[in-house]
Amino acid sequence: MEILEAFDLTGSYRDAAELAGCSHHTVARYVTVREAGGQLDQVAARPQLIDEYLPKLHEWVKHSKGKIRADKAHEKLRGLGFKGSERTTRRAVHEAKLDYQLGRIRVHRPWVTEPGMWLQYDFGDGPIIDGRKTVLFCAWLAWSRFRVVLALRDRTAPTVFAALDVTLRKLGGSPTYLLTDNEKTVTTEHIAGMAVRNPQVVSFARHYGVTVHTCEPADPASKGGSESTVKIAKADLVPTDTNLLEAYDTFADLEAACEVFCDDVNGRVHRVTRRAPNAMLAEELPWLHPVPKVPHTVAFGLARTVPARTPMVALDHAQYSVPHQLMGQQVWVRVHGQGPDEKVIIVHVGPAGPVEVARHSRATPGSPKVIDAHFPPQPAGALERQPKAKNAAEAEFLALGGGARMWLTEAAAAGTTKMRVKMAAAVALSKLGDPVAVDWALGHAAVNSRFAEADLGSIVSHHARANAGPRHQASETRSLTQGTGAWSALLGTPNEPEPVRPASSDDLAAVVIDEVLS
């Protein structure tokens, strides 16, 4: 501007050059450009050492699809005889990449969302708790920018659909569309560029009245809202060296941290809308349609069919019992919690809706978890076999009562011979005398293992005699036990010994019989 000012003052190239301190050729060039309406601030192009290598440089950039590094390009140029500096090469590579990207870069258009239309969700790696990885489920309602972050144990279909059910209930309604990645829980494969939906997600979408869409493979920019939610959630919830968060002791601590995070981000003003997502969600609720009262069955876990004869279901090669009334029906099994609080929950959906039918702690293969109330009373087996009459004679003997049944059981276990003959003798004896006494005698014989041929008659006759008259009792005067009179000399208290009457044979027999019966 000083050059042009000096020329306007003097009207001479040389005089203006003398006043501005430059060459008169420079003054002439600037005056000519101004008169032609050109750009005075544009740097004059000068030949450079790299000019002859620019075609090769553009070829390398195109071949690498704009990925080549400037230092690698400089090494290649030096091999071709280039003598310039690396700085010159870096400038040339930068300009070549700009030329290559022109027309190839993706231009993003602002997304003007409608209320109640779109919900995006994605996943992020959560912190490690008790040596196991966790997952952060991150959902983003597009219009209100409302975020829901949940802690998950895995990314299986039951867990993901349960998280979606919880998300929709937190929002208070279901949107029209769900947008997510092409995971196996949503897309099984691609045929001719078309995503083939997982039948489970189709059933889930029909249950909640939503349409599931997936973005292009390896194209995170098509769901930037959920991607941003994942980035923010990981920065605030996953312990790193930058945020100085302490490790979580339990899975419940991570769940509580997710609740606090959601309350924080949804309560502060968003930088784009300049409003809090909580306030905008209240306006968006009328545009959301109601959520079904009963969740979809896939949210309850993995489907299992209870075998027709064994009320046990399997999960991770371990078995868990269910009520025997559910044999032949379908139940859903899922895992809740982590570490010592980890539980296996089994749900059955009947006419009255979903009902939790069993809750077990984790089992290991080969050691099933069984609840006794889930099984009916077991029939008598080999270890608890009960007598059952097969003919008239056996029925007549067993009709005597419990003593007869006990005698038959114990006699069979002892290997008694001629049992049928002894059973017939017992029936005949019951017809001649008192059947109740015979049944009592059979039970007494079973308890004392008396299975000889004459034992039953002996017990019956003795029982009859004992009930007919006074029972023989052993006394001090008729006892066979040694007395204590010999101790009196040692104790210094002389006592005259009592005369002891010799015991008769009848007395000895009475004592022996009483001892046996007792």
Protein backbone atom coordinates (compact mmCIF):
# COMPACT_ATOMS: atom_id res chain seq x y z
CA MET A 1 0.00 0.00 0.00
CA GLU A 2 2.97 2.38 0.60
CA ILE A 3 4.23 1.63 -2.92
CA LEU A 4 0.87 2.48 -4.47
CA GLU A 5 0.55 5.57 -2.30
CA ALA A 6 3.98 6.80 -3.45
CA PHE A 7 3.08 6.19 -7.10
CA ASP A 8 -0.20 8.09 -6.76
CA LEU A 9 1.76 10.99 -5.24
CA THR A 10 4.59 11.17 -7.81
CA GLY A 11 3.16 9.45 -10.87
CA SER A 12 6.62 8.04 -11.61
CA TYR A 13 7.82 4.47 -11.19
CA ARG A 14 11.38 5.54 -10.26
CA ASP A 15 10.33 8.33 -7.89
CA ALA A 16 7.84 6.02 -6.19
CA ALA A 17 10.50 3.33 -5.92
CA GLU A 18 12.90 5.81 -4.32
CA LEU A 19 10.26 6.88 -1.76
CA ALA A 20 9.16 3.29 -0.99
CA GLY A 21 12.68 1.86 -0.93
CA CYS A 22 12.20 -0.82 -3.59
CA SER A 23 12.83 -1.46 -7.27
CA HIS A 24 10.91 0.49 -9.89
CA HIS A 25 10.07 -2.89 -11.47
CA THR A 26 8.21 -3.82 -8.27
CA VAL A 27 6.29 -0.56 -8.46
CA ALA A 28 5.39 -1.23 -12.07
CA ARG A 29 4.15 -4.78 -11.27
CA TYR A 30 1.85 -3.66 -8.43
CA VAL A 31 0.49 -0.76 -10.45
CA THR A 32 -0.23 -3.07 -13.39
CA VAL A 33 -2.04 -5.62 -11.17
CA ARG A 34 -4.15 -2.87 -9.60
CA GLU A 35 -5.13 -1.45 -12.93
CA ALA A 36 -6.15 -4.94 -14.14
CA GLY A 37 -8.33 -5.54 -11.02
CA GLY A 38 -6.18 -8.40 -9.73
CA GLN A 39 -5.33 -9.54 -6.19
CA LEU A 40 -2.51 -7.56 -4.72
CA ASP A 41 -2.00 -9.83 -1.67
CA GLN A 42 -1.30 -12.99 -3.68
CA VAL A 43 2.26 -14.27 -3.40
CA ALA A 44 4.10 -14.46 -6.64
CA ALA A 45 4.66 -18.00 -7.85
CA ARG A 46 8.31 -19.00 -8.04
CA PRO A 47 9.79 -22.21 -9.38
CA GLN A 48 10.71 -24.82 -6.73
CA LEU A 49 12.93 -27.88 -6.68
CA ILE A 50 9.95 -30.16 -6.11
CA ASP A 51 8.01 -29.02 -9.17
CA GLU A 52 9.37 -31.77 -11.40
CA TYR A 53 8.48 -34.41 -8.76
CA LEU A 54 4.88 -33.27 -8.24
CA PRO A 55 3.35 -35.73 -10.76
CA LYS A 56 5.00 -38.67 -8.96
CA LEU A 57 3.88 -37.27 -5.60
CA HIS A 58 0.26 -37.01 -6.78
CA GLU A 59 0.51 -40.59 -8.05
CA TRP A 60 1.59 -41.83 -4.62
CA VAL A 61 -1.22 -39.95 -2.87
CA LYS A 62 -3.81 -41.39 -5.24
CA HIS A 63 -2.42 -44.92 -4.93
CA SER A 64 -2.51 -44.75 -1.13
CA LYS A 65 -5.98 -43.11 -1.15
CA GLY A 66 -4.61 -40.13 0.69
CA LYS A 67 -2.95 -42.20 3.42
CA ILE A 68 0.75 -41.74 2.58
CA ARG A 69 2.85 -39.96 5.21
CA ALA A 70 5.02 -36.98 4.31
CA ASP A 71 8.18 -38.51 5.82
CA LYS A 72 7.76 -41.67 3.73
CA ALA A 73 7.13 -39.57 0.62
CA HIS A 74 10.31 -37.58 1.35
CA GLU A 75 12.35 -40.82 1.58
CA LYS A 76 11.02 -41.93 -1.80
CA LEU A 77 11.75 -38.52 -3.35
CA ARG A 78 15.33 -38.58 -2.05
CA GLY A 79 15.74 -41.92 -3.76
CA LEU A 80 14.68 -40.25 -7.00
CA GLY A 81 17.29 -37.51 -6.59
CA PHE A 82 15.30 -34.79 -4.81
CA LYS A 83 17.63 -32.34 -2.99
CA GLY A 84 15.02 -30.19 -1.22
CA SER A 85 14.13 -30.11 2.48
CA GLU A 86 11.55 -32.24 4.25
CA ARG A 87 9.56 -29.09 4.99
CA THR A 88 9.07 -28.52 1.25
CA THR A 89 7.93 -32.11 0.86
CA ARG A 90 5.42 -31.78 3.69
CA ARG A 91 3.85 -28.70 2.10
CA ALA A 92 3.63 -30.45 -1.27
CA VAL A 93 2.08 -33.60 0.26
CA HIS A 94 -0.48 -31.49 2.12
CA GLU A 95 -1.51 -29.72 -1.09
CA ALA A 96 -1.65 -33.05 -2.97
CA LYS A 97 -3.92 -34.54 -0.30
CA LEU A 98 -6.23 -31.54 -0.48
CA ASP A 99 -6.48 -31.94 -4.25
CA TYR A 100 -7.17 -35.68 -3.84
CA GLN A 101 -9.89 -35.17 -1.20
CA LEU A 102 -11.62 -32.51 -3.25
CA GLY A 103 -14.85 -34.16 -4.35
CA ARG A 104 -14.16 -37.30 -2.33
CA ILE A 105 -14.69 -36.15 1.25
CA ARG A 106 -18.07 -36.63 2.92
CA VAL A 107 -20.06 -33.44 3.44
CA HIS A 108 -22.33 -33.55 6.50
CA ARG A 109 -25.69 -31.86 6.33
CA PRO A 110 -27.33 -30.77 9.60
CA TRP A 111 -29.97 -33.29 10.74
CA VAL A 112 -33.24 -31.56 11.57
CA THR A 113 -35.02 -34.13 13.75
CA GLU A 114 -38.70 -34.48 14.49
CA PRO A 115 -40.07 -35.22 17.98
CA GLY A 116 -40.91 -38.84 18.69
CA MET A 117 -39.17 -40.23 15.62
CA TRP A 118 -35.63 -41.52 16.29
CA LEU A 119 -33.85 -43.34 19.10
CA GLN A 120 -30.21 -44.36 18.58
CA TYR A 121 -28.29 -46.83 20.74
CA ASP A 122 -24.75 -48.16 20.81
CA PHE A 123 -22.32 -49.92 23.15
CA GLY A 124 -19.05 -49.03 24.83
CA ASP A 125 -16.50 -50.97 26.84
CA GLY A 126 -17.19 -50.56 30.53
CA PRO A 127 -14.86 -51.00 33.52
CA ILE A 128 -13.58 -54.38 34.68
CA ILE A 129 -15.30 -55.60 37.87
CA ASP A 130 -14.19 -58.77 39.67
CA GLY A 131 -11.99 -59.64 36.71
CA ARG A 132 -14.88 -59.54 34.22
CA LYS A 133 -15.57 -56.96 31.52
CA THR A 134 -18.76 -54.93 31.55
CA VAL A 135 -20.65 -53.12 28.80
CA LEU A 136 -22.16 -49.63 28.73
CA PHE A 137 -25.47 -49.46 26.85
CA CYS A 138 -25.89 -45.89 25.56
CA ALA A 139 -29.19 -44.65 24.06
CA TRP A 140 -29.91 -41.17 22.65
CA LEU A 141 -33.33 -39.71 21.84
CA ALA A 142 -32.62 -37.47 18.85
CA TRP A 143 -35.03 -34.53 19.25
CA SER A 144 -34.75 -33.92 22.99
CA ARG A 145 -31.10 -35.15 23.25
CA PHE A 146 -32.16 -37.27 26.23
CA ARG A 147 -29.54 -39.91 27.15
CA VAL A 148 -29.92 -43.27 28.90
CA VAL A 149 -26.81 -45.19 29.99
CA LEU A 150 -27.15 -48.67 31.52
CA ALA A 151 -24.53 -51.11 32.80
CA LEU A 152 -24.70 -54.58 31.22
CA ARG A 153 -22.84 -57.81 31.81
CA ASP A 154 -22.77 -58.84 28.15
CA ARG A 155 -24.19 -58.05 24.70
CA THR A 156 -26.35 -61.10 24.15
CA ALA A 157 -29.82 -60.68 22.68
CA PRO A 158 -31.76 -61.11 25.98
CA THR A 159 -29.56 -58.58 27.74
CA VAL A 160 -29.77 -56.03 24.91
CA PHE A 161 -33.54 -56.34 24.54
CA ALA A 162 -33.98 -56.07 28.31
CA ALA A 163 -31.92 -52.86 28.23
CA LEU A 164 -34.08 -51.51 25.40
CA ASP A 165 -37.21 -52.29 27.41
CA VAL A 166 -35.81 -50.44 30.41
CA THR A 167 -34.83 -47.51 28.16
CA LEU A 168 -38.29 -47.17 26.64
CA ARG A 169 -39.87 -47.22 30.10
CA LYS A 170 -37.44 -44.55 31.30
CA LEU A 171 -38.41 -42.40 28.32
CA GLY A 172 -42.09 -42.98 28.98
CA GLY A 173 -42.87 -44.13 25.44
CA SER A 174 -41.61 -45.71 22.23
CA PRO A 175 -40.36 -43.75 19.20
CA THR A 176 -41.06 -44.66 15.60
CA TYR A 177 -37.54 -45.79 14.66
CA LEU A 178 -34.60 -47.48 16.38
CA LEU A 179 -31.17 -46.96 14.79
CA THR A 180 -28.15 -49.08 15.69
CA ASP A 181 -25.17 -51.03 14.35
CA ASN A 182 -25.27 -54.27 12.37
CA GLU A 183 -24.63 -56.62 15.27
CA LYS A 184 -25.69 -60.26 15.19
CA THR A 185 -28.50 -59.48 17.60
CA VAL A 186 -30.00 -57.21 14.89
CA THR A 187 -28.57 -58.26 11.50
CA THR A 188 -27.64 -61.84 10.72
CA GLU A 189 -26.00 -61.15 7.34
CA HIS A 190 -25.90 -58.87 4.29
CA ILE A 191 -27.09 -60.06 0.87
CA ALA A 192 -26.45 -57.74 -2.08
CA GLY A 193 -25.94 -54.91 0.38
CA MET A 194 -29.29 -55.54 2.12
CA ALA A 195 -29.32 -56.26 5.86
CA VAL A 196 -31.12 -59.49 6.83
CA ARG A 197 -32.84 -58.93 10.16
CA ASN A 198 -32.58 -61.28 13.09
CA PRO A 199 -36.01 -62.91 13.65
CA GLN A 200 -35.79 -62.08 17.35
CA VAL A 201 -35.40 -58.35 16.72
CA VAL A 202 -38.29 -58.45 14.25
CA SER A 203 -40.51 -60.00 16.93
CA PHE A 204 -39.24 -57.47 19.46
CA ALA A 205 -39.96 -54.53 17.13
CA ARG A 206 -43.46 -55.81 16.40
CA HIS A 207 -44.16 -56.14 20.13
CA TYR A 208 -43.20 -52.52 20.87
CA GLY A 209 -44.48 -51.03 17.61
CA VAL A 210 -41.13 -49.70 16.39
CA THR A 211 -39.11 -50.05 13.19
CA VAL A 212 -35.47 -51.09 13.50
CA HIS A 213 -32.95 -49.55 11.09
CA THR A 214 -29.21 -50.14 10.90
CA CYS A 215 -26.54 -47.81 9.62
CA GLU A 216 -24.09 -48.63 6.85
CA PRO A 217 -21.37 -51.06 7.98
CA ALA A 218 -18.30 -49.30 9.38
CA ASP A 219 -20.06 -45.93 9.21
CA PRO A 220 -20.30 -44.47 12.71
CA ALA A 221 -21.05 -40.98 11.34
CA SER A 222 -24.61 -42.08 10.49
CA LYS A 223 -25.45 -42.34 14.21
CA GLY A 224 -23.32 -39.61 15.69
CA GLY A 225 -25.64 -38.99 18.63
CA SER A 226 -25.15 -42.39 20.20
CA GLU A 227 -21.44 -42.35 19.31
CA SER A 228 -21.06 -39.08 21.19
CA THR A 229 -23.01 -40.52 24.13
CA VAL A 230 -20.64 -43.50 24.27
CA LYS A 231 -17.62 -41.19 24.25
CA ILE A 232 -18.98 -39.01 27.06
CA ALA A 233 -20.13 -41.98 29.14
CA LYS A 234 -16.76 -43.73 28.90
CA ALA A 235 -14.96 -40.52 29.84
CA ASP A 236 -17.10 -40.10 32.97
CA LEU A 237 -17.69 -43.71 34.08
CA VAL A 238 -14.63 -45.78 33.13
CA PRO A 239 -11.67 -45.30 35.50
CA THR A 240 -8.61 -43.96 33.64
CA ASP A 241 -5.46 -42.06 34.46
CA THR A 242 -7.06 -38.82 33.30
CA ASN A 243 -10.31 -38.82 35.31
CA LEU A 244 -8.74 -40.44 38.41
CA LEU A 245 -11.85 -42.54 39.12
CA GLU A 246 -11.50 -45.38 41.61
CA ALA A 247 -12.28 -48.94 40.57
CA TYR A 248 -15.80 -50.21 41.24
CA ASP A 249 -16.15 -52.79 44.00
CA THR A 250 -19.44 -54.30 42.79
CA PHE A 251 -21.66 -54.24 39.74
CA ALA A 252 -24.28 -52.36 41.78
CA ASP A 253 -21.81 -49.49 42.23
CA LEU A 254 -21.48 -49.17 38.46
CA GLU A 255 -25.27 -49.17 38.06
CA ALA A 256 -25.57 -46.39 40.63
CA ALA A 257 -22.86 -44.38 38.84
CA CYS A 258 -24.80 -44.69 35.56
CA GLU A 259 -27.91 -43.31 37.26
CA VAL A 260 -25.97 -40.32 38.57
CA PHE A 261 -24.43 -39.72 35.13
CA CYS A 262 -27.84 -39.72 33.40
CA ASP A 263 -29.28 -37.30 35.94
CA ASP A 264 -26.33 -34.98 35.38
CA VAL A 265 -26.26 -34.89 31.57
CA ASN A 266 -30.05 -34.71 31.23
CA GLY A 267 -30.37 -31.92 33.75
CA ARG A 268 -27.86 -29.46 32.28
CA VAL A 269 -28.32 -27.20 29.26
CA HIS A 270 -27.38 -28.77 25.92
CA ARG A 271 -24.92 -26.76 23.84
CA VAL A 272 -27.00 -27.06 20.63
CA THR A 273 -30.60 -26.66 21.80
CA ARG A 274 -29.68 -24.39 24.75
CA ARG A 275 -32.26 -26.27 26.80
CA ALA A 276 -32.09 -29.14 29.29
CA PRO A 277 -33.00 -32.57 27.82
CA ASN A 278 -35.35 -33.22 30.75
CA ALA A 279 -37.48 -30.23 29.79
CA MET A 280 -37.47 -31.17 26.10
CA LEU A 281 -38.44 -34.78 26.89
CA ALA A 282 -41.57 -33.52 28.64
CA GLU A 283 -42.56 -31.80 25.37
CA GLU A 284 -41.68 -34.89 23.30
CA LEU A 285 -43.73 -37.35 25.38
CA PRO A 286 -47.03 -36.70 23.52
CA TRP A 287 -45.28 -37.76 20.29
CA LEU A 288 -44.18 -41.13 21.74
CA HIS A 289 -46.59 -44.06 21.68
CA PRO A 290 -47.23 -46.14 24.83
CA VAL A 291 -44.97 -48.99 25.89
CA PRO A 292 -46.67 -52.41 26.34
CA LYS A 293 -47.28 -53.28 29.97
CA VAL A 294 -45.68 -56.72 29.59
CA PRO A 295 -42.11 -56.83 28.23
CA HIS A 296 -41.29 -59.00 25.26
CA THR A 297 -40.37 -62.53 26.26
CA VAL A 298 -36.90 -62.32 24.72
CA ALA A 299 -36.10 -59.70 27.38
CA PHE A 300 -36.54 -62.37 30.05
CA GLY A 301 -33.54 -64.32 28.79
CA LEU A 302 -32.81 -67.36 26.69
CA ALA A 303 -35.75 -69.59 25.76
CA ARG A 304 -35.64 -73.10 27.16
CA THR A 305 -38.13 -75.96 26.87
CA VAL A 306 -38.56 -77.96 30.07
CA PRO A 307 -38.18 -81.71 29.36
CA ALA A 308 -41.33 -83.82 29.60
CA ARG A 309 -40.01 -85.97 32.45
CA THR A 310 -37.31 -83.94 34.22
CA PRO A 311 -38.07 -80.40 35.44
CA MET A 312 -34.54 -79.12 34.80
CA VAL A 313 -33.28 -76.49 32.35
CA ALA A 314 -29.70 -75.86 31.24
CA LEU A 315 -27.68 -72.66 31.04
CA ASP A 316 -23.95 -72.57 30.30
CA HIS A 317 -23.75 -76.39 30.65
CA ALA A 318 -25.21 -76.23 34.19
CA GLN A 319 -28.70 -77.38 35.24
CA TYR A 320 -31.36 -75.65 37.34
CA SER A 321 -34.69 -76.98 38.63
CA VAL A 322 -38.14 -75.53 37.88
CA PRO A 323 -41.57 -76.54 39.24
CA HIS A 324 -42.63 -79.91 37.84
CA GLN A 325 -45.95 -78.40 36.69
CA LEU A 326 -43.98 -76.67 33.88
CA MET A 327 -42.71 -79.88 32.28
CA GLY A 328 -43.11 -79.67 28.51
CA GLN A 329 -43.59 -75.88 28.58
CA GLN A 330 -41.28 -73.00 27.63
CA VAL A 331 -39.43 -70.82 30.15
CA TRP A 332 -36.84 -68.05 29.88
CA VAL A 333 -33.53 -68.09 31.73
CA ARG A 334 -31.25 -65.11 32.37
CA VAL A 335 -28.41 -64.14 34.69
CA HIS A 336 -28.65 -61.12 36.98
CA GLY A 337 -25.94 -59.55 39.11
CA GLN A 338 -22.27 -60.33 39.29
CA GLY A 339 -19.85 -61.97 41.70
CA PRO A 340 -21.31 -63.40 44.93
CA ASP A 341 -24.73 -61.84 44.18
CA GLU A 342 -25.01 -63.47 40.76
CA LYS A 343 -28.37 -65.22 40.34
CA VAL A 344 -30.01 -67.31 37.63
CA ILE A 345 -33.63 -66.20 37.20
CA ILE A 346 -36.20 -68.36 35.43
CA VAL A 347 -39.45 -66.80 34.17
CA HIS A 348 -42.59 -68.40 32.75
CA VAL A 349 -45.14 -66.44 30.75
CA GLY A 350 -48.68 -67.73 31.21
CA PRO A 351 -52.19 -66.35 30.78
CA ALA A 352 -51.66 -64.07 33.78
CA GLY A 353 -48.42 -62.65 32.37
CA PRO A 354 -44.75 -63.23 33.26
CA VAL A 355 -44.07 -64.91 36.59
CA GLU A 356 -40.71 -65.67 38.16
CA VAL A 357 -40.80 -69.38 38.94
CA ALA A 358 -37.27 -70.00 40.24
CA ARG A 359 -34.16 -68.15 41.41
CA HIS A 360 -30.91 -70.04 41.89
CA SER A 361 -27.33 -69.22 42.68
CA ARG A 362 -24.80 -70.08 39.98
CA ALA A 363 -24.29 -73.81 39.40
CA THR A 364 -21.30 -75.60 37.91
CA PRO A 365 -21.41 -78.38 35.29
CA GLY A 366 -22.12 -81.67 36.99
CA SER A 367 -23.48 -80.04 40.18
CA PRO A 368 -27.07 -78.94 39.45
CA LYS A 369 -29.04 -76.55 41.63
CA VAL A 370 -32.19 -78.28 42.88
CA ILE A 371 -35.08 -77.07 45.04
CA ASP A 372 -36.97 -79.98 46.65
CA ALA A 373 -40.32 -78.19 46.36
CA HIS A 374 -40.01 -78.32 42.56
CA PHE A 375 -40.40 -82.12 42.56
CA PRO A 376 -43.46 -84.24 43.51
CA PRO A 377 -43.22 -86.99 46.16
CA GLN A 378 -41.05 -89.74 44.78
CA PRO A 379 -42.58 -93.23 44.35
CA ALA A 380 -41.14 -96.05 46.40
CA GLY A 381 -37.97 -97.25 44.82
CA ALA A 382 -35.56 -100.10 45.39
CA LEU A 383 -34.39 -98.65 48.69
CA GLU A 384 -37.92 -97.93 50.00
CA ARG A 385 -39.94 -100.78 48.52
CA GLN A 386 -43.31 -101.42 50.16
CA PRO A 387 -45.08 -104.82 50.26
CA LYS A 388 -47.74 -105.23 47.57
CA ALA A 389 -49.95 -108.31 47.40
CA LYS A 390 -49.71 -110.30 44.18
CA ASN A 391 -52.18 -113.10 45.11
CA ALA A 392 -54.93 -113.89 47.60
CA ALA A 393 -52.63 -115.51 50.20
CA GLU A 394 -50.32 -112.50 50.28
CA ALA A 395 -53.28 -110.11 50.48
CA GLU A 396 -54.74 -112.09 53.41
CA PHE A 397 -51.43 -111.95 55.29
CA LEU A 398 -50.86 -108.22 54.66
CA ALA A 399 -54.43 -107.52 55.77
CA LEU A 400 -53.39 -108.40 59.33
CA GLY A 401 -51.84 -104.93 59.71
CA GLY A 402 -48.62 -103.00 60.02
CA GLY A 403 -46.88 -105.73 62.03
CA ALA A 404 -47.37 -108.19 59.19
CA ARG A 405 -45.92 -105.72 56.68
CA MET A 406 -42.93 -105.10 58.96
CA TRP A 407 -42.37 -108.83 59.43
CA LEU A 408 -42.46 -109.43 55.67
CA THR A 409 -39.98 -106.60 55.02
CA GLU A 410 -37.51 -107.63 57.72
CA ALA A 411 -37.80 -111.35 57.05
CA ALA A 412 -37.12 -110.82 53.34
CA ALA A 413 -34.09 -108.67 54.13
CA ALA A 414 -32.76 -111.36 56.54
CA GLY A 415 -33.10 -114.13 53.95
CA THR A 416 -35.63 -116.12 55.95
CA THR A 417 -36.55 -119.49 54.49
CA LYS A 418 -40.06 -120.95 54.11
CA MET A 419 -41.62 -117.52 54.38
CA ARG A 420 -44.84 -118.51 52.61
CA VAL A 421 -45.37 -121.39 55.07
CA LYS A 422 -44.83 -119.07 58.04
CA MET A 423 -47.14 -116.48 56.54
CA ALA A 424 -49.87 -119.10 56.12
CA ALA A 425 -49.31 -120.22 59.72
CA ALA A 426 -49.73 -116.61 60.90
CA VAL A 427 -53.01 -116.28 58.99
CA ALA A 428 -54.29 -119.57 60.47
CA LEU A 429 -53.26 -118.44 63.99
CA SER A 430 -55.14 -115.16 63.51
CA LYS A 431 -58.29 -117.10 62.62
CA LEU A 432 -58.01 -119.26 65.73
CA GLY A 433 -57.24 -116.41 68.09
CA ASP A 434 -57.05 -112.60 68.19
CA PRO A 435 -55.83 -111.10 64.84
CA VAL A 436 -54.64 -107.99 66.66
CA ALA A 437 -52.45 -110.04 68.95
CA VAL A 438 -51.02 -111.93 65.99
CA ASP A 439 -50.20 -108.66 64.18
CA TRP A 440 -48.54 -107.35 67.37
CA ALA A 441 -46.53 -110.55 67.65
CA LEU A 442 -45.41 -110.30 64.00
CA GLY A 443 -44.18 -106.74 64.56
CA HIS A 444 -42.41 -107.81 67.76
CA ALA A 445 -40.76 -110.68 65.94
CA ALA A 446 -39.61 -108.32 63.15
CA VAL A 447 -38.03 -105.91 65.65
CA ASN A 448 -36.18 -108.67 67.48
CA SER A 449 -35.26 -110.62 64.29
CA ARG A 450 -37.12 -113.74 65.44
CA PHE A 451 -38.03 -115.50 62.21
CA ALA A 452 -37.79 -119.14 63.29
CA GLU A 453 -40.74 -121.52 62.77
CA ALA A 454 -41.93 -121.59 66.41
CA ASP A 455 -41.06 -117.99 67.32
CA LEU A 456 -44.42 -116.51 66.41
CA GLY A 457 -46.40 -119.02 68.53
CA SER A 458 -44.03 -118.54 71.47
CA ILE A 459 -44.43 -114.74 71.38
CA VAL A 460 -48.23 -114.98 71.12
CA SER A 461 -48.52 -117.45 74.03
CA HIS A 462 -46.17 -115.43 76.24
CA HIS A 463 -48.06 -112.24 75.45
CA ALA A 464 -51.32 -113.97 76.38
CA ARG A 465 -49.93 -115.24 79.71
CA ALA A 466 -48.48 -111.81 80.57
CA ASN A 467 -51.82 -110.15 80.01
CA ALA A 468 -53.76 -112.86 81.89
CA GLY A 469 -52.00 -112.55 85.35
CA PRO A 470 -49.53 -110.41 87.29
CA ARG A 471 -46.29 -109.74 85.50
CA HIS A 472 -43.07 -111.07 86.96
CA GLN A 473 -40.83 -108.25 88.11
CA ALA A 474 -37.25 -108.56 89.33
CA SER A 475 -36.75 -107.20 92.88
CA GLU A 476 -33.84 -106.68 95.22
CA THR A 477 -34.57 -109.97 96.95
CA ARG A 478 -34.89 -111.87 93.64
CA SER A 479 -32.16 -110.10 91.64
CA LEU A 480 -29.11 -111.83 90.22
CA THR A 481 -27.03 -108.69 90.71
CA GLN A 482 -24.25 -108.88 93.35
CA GLY A 483 -25.03 -107.00 96.58
CA THR A 484 -23.04 -104.22 98.25
CA GLY A 485 -22.63 -105.82 101.64
CA ALA A 486 -18.93 -106.50 101.08
CA TRP A 487 -18.29 -102.76 101.00
CA SER A 488 -19.59 -102.24 104.53
CA ALA A 489 -16.31 -103.45 106.15
CA LEU A 490 -14.32 -100.93 104.15
CA LEU A 491 -16.66 -98.09 105.03
CA GLY A 492 -16.60 -98.91 108.76
CA THR A 493 -20.33 -99.47 109.06
CA PRO A 494 -20.83 -103.11 109.81
CA ASN A 495 -24.16 -104.34 108.57
CA GLU A 496 -25.57 -107.73 109.14
CA PRO A 497 -26.01 -109.45 105.84
CA GLU A 498 -29.55 -110.15 104.86
CA PRO A 499 -30.35 -113.77 104.28
CA VAL A 500 -30.53 -114.48 100.60
CA ARG A 501 -33.10 -116.99 99.47
CA PRO A 502 -31.84 -119.20 96.65
CA ALA A 503 -33.53 -118.34 93.42
CA SER A 504 -35.70 -121.04 91.96
CA SER A 505 -35.73 -122.11 88.34
CA ASP A 506 -39.11 -120.40 87.84
CA ASP A 507 -37.68 -117.13 89.09
CA LEU A 508 -34.70 -117.32 86.72
CA ALA A 509 -36.96 -118.05 83.76
CA ALA A 510 -39.19 -115.10 84.59
CA VAL A 511 -36.21 -112.74 84.75
CA VAL A 512 -34.82 -113.93 81.44
CA ILE A 513 -38.20 -113.56 79.69
CA ASP A 514 -38.63 -110.05 81.06
CA GLU A 515 -35.16 -109.04 79.87
CA VAL A 516 -35.84 -110.35 76.37
CA LEU A 517 -39.21 -108.63 76.11
CA SER A 518 -37.83 -105.35 77.39
